[in-house]
Amino acid sequence: MFVKDVMVQNQVGLHARPATFFIQKANEFKSSIWIEKEERRVNAKSLLGILSLGIVGGTQIRIIADGADENDAVQGLVELVESGFAEETR
């Protein structure tokens, strides 16, 4: 199991579009992956699960992976979150 905390950089957080990018990235890996916010943990490959967390910009989340490619999965998802999902400021 590999775990890493990351701060959500983009202003709107993980709303529908960034959450979709996150899920697409998560699905590139074989490992089981979860996102944890405070006490709640959801499947990182589930749109409804991610949206239910209500993650906004500036929120600290924990990304957890367990499986053959767990390190790559967590690192890839942390990089995506830190990039702000390549969203332009409007």
Protein backbone atom coordinates (compact mmCIF):
# COMPACT_ATOMS: atom_id res chain seq x y z
CA MET A 1 0.00 0.00 0.00
CA PHE A 2 1.30 3.46 -0.94
CA VAL A 3 -0.17 6.67 0.47
CA LYS A 4 0.50 10.35 -0.22
CA ASP A 5 -1.19 13.59 0.81
CA VAL A 6 -1.66 16.39 -1.70
CA MET A 7 -3.28 19.84 -1.72
CA VAL A 8 -5.88 20.43 -4.45
CA GLN A 9 -4.48 23.39 -6.43
CA ASN A 10 -7.22 24.43 -8.85
CA GLN A 11 -9.80 26.91 -7.52
CA VAL A 12 -12.94 24.88 -8.15
CA GLY A 13 -11.52 21.62 -6.79
CA LEU A 14 -12.68 18.23 -8.02
CA HIS A 15 -15.93 19.15 -9.74
CA ALA A 16 -17.20 17.15 -12.73
CA ARG A 17 -14.52 17.96 -15.33
CA PRO A 18 -11.37 17.59 -13.17
CA ALA A 19 -12.92 14.55 -11.47
CA THR A 20 -13.36 12.97 -14.90
CA PHE A 21 -9.67 13.61 -15.70
CA PHE A 22 -8.75 12.12 -12.33
CA ILE A 23 -10.82 8.98 -12.96
CA GLN A 24 -9.38 8.54 -16.46
CA LYS A 25 -5.88 8.70 -14.99
CA ALA A 26 -6.80 6.32 -12.14
CA ASN A 27 -8.17 3.80 -14.65
CA GLU A 28 -4.75 3.61 -16.33
CA PHE A 29 -3.55 1.62 -13.30
CA LYS A 30 -4.38 -1.90 -12.14
CA SER A 31 -4.15 -1.04 -8.43
CA SER A 32 -7.14 -0.32 -6.22
CA ILE A 33 -7.11 3.42 -5.60
CA TRP A 34 -8.96 5.54 -3.06
CA ILE A 35 -9.26 9.22 -2.21
CA GLU A 36 -9.61 10.20 1.42
CA LYS A 37 -10.86 13.57 2.69
CA GLU A 38 -10.99 13.90 6.45
CA GLU A 39 -12.69 10.68 7.63
CA ARG A 40 -14.31 9.66 4.32
CA ARG A 41 -12.74 7.30 1.78
CA VAL A 42 -14.11 6.68 -1.72
CA ASN A 43 -13.09 4.70 -4.76
CA ALA A 44 -10.93 6.97 -6.95
CA LYS A 45 -12.41 5.33 -10.05
CA SER A 46 -15.98 6.38 -9.15
CA LEU A 47 -17.31 9.74 -10.35
CA LEU A 48 -20.17 9.79 -7.83
CA GLY A 49 -17.80 8.82 -5.04
CA ILE A 50 -15.38 11.64 -5.82
CA LEU A 51 -18.13 14.22 -6.29
CA SER A 52 -19.70 13.16 -2.98
CA LEU A 53 -16.59 14.32 -1.13
CA GLY A 54 -17.18 17.93 -2.19
CA ILE A 55 -13.48 18.65 -2.68
CA VAL A 56 -12.81 22.35 -3.28
CA GLY A 57 -9.58 24.22 -4.03
CA GLY A 58 -7.19 24.31 -1.08
CA THR A 59 -8.45 21.00 0.32
CA GLN A 60 -5.91 18.45 1.54
CA ILE A 61 -6.67 14.95 0.24
CA ARG A 62 -4.95 11.61 0.64
CA ILE A 63 -4.43 9.30 -2.33
CA ILE A 64 -4.09 5.63 -1.45
CA ALA A 65 -3.23 2.78 -3.82
CA ASP A 66 -2.80 -0.92 -3.26
CA GLY A 67 -1.57 -3.24 -5.99
CA ALA A 68 1.18 -4.03 -8.47
CA ASP A 69 1.59 -0.45 -9.72
CA GLU A 70 0.64 1.40 -6.52
CA ASN A 71 3.67 3.74 -6.48
CA ASP A 72 3.18 4.79 -10.11
CA ALA A 73 -0.56 5.23 -9.54
CA VAL A 74 -0.16 7.53 -6.55
CA GLN A 75 2.66 9.53 -8.16
CA GLY A 76 0.72 9.97 -11.40
CA LEU A 77 -2.42 11.14 -9.60
CA VAL A 78 -0.49 13.47 -7.28
CA GLU A 79 1.16 15.08 -10.32
CA LEU A 80 -2.26 15.53 -11.96
CA VAL A 81 -3.70 17.20 -8.84
CA GLU A 82 -0.61 19.41 -8.40
CA SER A 83 -0.87 20.53 -12.03
CA GLY A 84 -4.30 22.00 -11.27
CA PHE A 85 -5.72 19.67 -13.95
CA ALA A 86 -4.22 22.06 -16.53
CA GLU A 87 -7.22 24.35 -16.10
CA GLU A 88 -6.69 27.90 -17.23
CA THR A 89 -7.63 30.77 -14.95
CA ARG A 90 -10.67 32.51 -16.33
